[in-house]
Protein backbone atom coordinates (compact mmCIF):
# COMPACT_ATOMS: atom_id res chain seq x y z
CA MET A 1 10.47 1.94 -7.74
CA ASN A 2 8.41 0.21 -10.39
CA ILE A 3 4.99 -0.96 -9.18
CA LYS A 4 5.04 -3.77 -11.74
CA ASN A 5 5.22 -7.15 -9.98
CA GLU A 6 4.76 -5.55 -6.54
CA THR A 7 2.06 -7.03 -4.30
CA VAL A 8 0.09 -4.26 -2.61
CA VAL A 9 -2.28 -4.21 0.38
CA PHE A 10 -4.23 -1.17 1.60
CA THR A 11 -5.26 -0.35 5.16
CA GLY A 12 -7.16 2.64 6.46
CA THR A 13 -9.18 5.14 4.46
CA LEU A 14 -7.69 6.86 1.44
CA ILE A 15 -8.52 10.55 1.10
CA THR A 16 -7.69 11.11 -2.56
CA MET A 17 -9.75 8.30 -4.09
CA SER A 18 -11.57 5.12 -3.20
CA ARG A 19 -9.65 1.96 -2.40
CA LYS A 20 -11.10 0.29 -5.51
CA GLN A 21 -9.79 3.11 -7.69
CA ALA A 22 -6.33 2.87 -6.11
CA GLN A 23 -6.35 -0.91 -6.56
CA ALA A 24 -7.31 -0.47 -10.22
CA LEU A 25 -4.32 1.85 -10.72
CA VAL A 26 -1.96 -0.71 -9.19
CA PHE A 27 -3.44 -3.47 -11.34
CA SER A 28 -3.25 -1.36 -14.52
CA LEU A 29 0.46 -0.77 -13.88
CA GLY A 30 1.18 -4.49 -13.52
CA GLY A 31 1.00 -4.78 -9.75
CA LYS A 32 -0.92 -7.36 -7.76
CA ILE A 33 -3.53 -6.68 -5.09
CA GLN A 34 -4.10 -8.62 -1.88
CA LYS A 35 -6.78 -8.03 0.73
CA ASN A 36 -4.63 -9.23 3.62
CA ILE A 37 -0.95 -9.15 4.53
CA SER A 38 1.11 -12.24 3.78
CA LYS A 39 4.76 -13.09 3.22
CA SER A 40 4.29 -12.28 -0.48
CA THR A 41 3.14 -8.71 0.26
CA THR A 42 5.74 -6.14 -0.78
CA ILE A 43 3.94 -2.82 -0.13
CA LEU A 44 1.43 -1.81 2.55
CA VAL A 45 -0.27 1.51 1.81
CA VAL A 46 -1.45 3.11 5.04
CA GLY A 47 -4.35 5.55 4.75
CA ASN A 48 -6.12 7.34 7.61
CA LEU A 49 -6.78 5.03 10.53
CA GLN A 50 -9.46 5.30 13.17
CA GLY A 51 -7.98 5.47 16.65
CA ASP A 52 -9.31 3.89 19.81
CA LEU A 53 -11.23 6.67 21.59
CA PHE A 54 -10.11 5.53 25.05
CA THR A 55 -6.48 4.52 24.52
CA GLU A 56 -5.74 6.82 21.55
CA LYS A 57 -4.06 3.81 19.92
CA VAL A 58 -4.00 4.14 16.14
CA SER A 59 -3.05 0.95 14.34
CA SER A 60 -4.47 -1.89 12.32
CA LYS A 61 -4.09 -5.64 12.26
CA LYS A 62 -2.51 -5.31 8.82
CA ILE A 63 0.21 -3.01 10.19
CA GLU A 64 0.81 -5.32 13.14
CA THR A 65 1.10 -8.33 10.82
CA ALA A 66 3.47 -6.44 8.49
CA ILE A 67 5.69 -5.54 11.44
CA LYS A 68 5.83 -9.18 12.55
CA ILE A 69 6.76 -10.32 9.04
CA ASN A 70 9.35 -7.55 8.73
CA ASP A 71 10.91 -8.63 12.04
CA LYS A 72 11.72 -11.91 10.30
CA GLN A 73 12.51 -10.91 6.72
CA GLU A 74 12.13 -7.13 6.10
CA SER A 75 10.19 -7.43 2.87
CA ILE A 76 7.13 -5.20 3.32
CA LYS A 77 7.53 -1.49 2.63
CA MET A 78 4.99 0.57 4.57
CA ILE A 79 4.15 3.83 2.82
CA ASP A 80 1.59 6.57 3.36
CA GLU A 81 -0.98 7.71 0.81
CA LYS A 82 1.12 10.66 -0.38
CA THR A 83 4.09 8.38 -1.11
CA PHE A 84 1.80 5.88 -2.83
CA PHE A 85 0.41 8.50 -5.21
CA SER A 86 3.89 9.83 -5.92
CA LEU A 87 4.89 6.26 -6.82
CA ILE A 88 1.84 5.90 -9.07
CA LYS A 89 2.59 9.26 -10.74
CA ASP A 90 6.20 8.23 -11.40
CA ASN A 91 5.05 4.90 -12.85
CA LEU A 92 2.49 6.59 -15.09
CA TYR A 93 5.16 9.00 -16.31
CA LEU A 94 7.51 6.10 -17.11
CA LEU A 95 4.72 4.27 -18.92
CA HIS A 96 3.85 7.37 -20.95
CA SER A 97 7.47 8.11 -21.86
CA ASN A 98 7.93 4.53 -23.13
CA LEU A 99 5.01 4.77 -25.58
């Protein structure tokens, strides 16, 4: 998948780098960044989430919103941090090989 023209939102804490660094990578590869989920979001990157100490529920409003949108149109891919960085690596490789 090419990150170019994808609209990406992050939720949770990334382990590998800061959210700003990850956003800069997406932007440098031609992707768009949003702070919140909307119908135009195409990828939600899910980092580590803090769970509720009493209910052990681990989620976020962004995930819940993405699920609601996907129930109607299935357009938001939810991926974990490892998958995100694999995608970035593949896109950087493609960019480098096209130079």
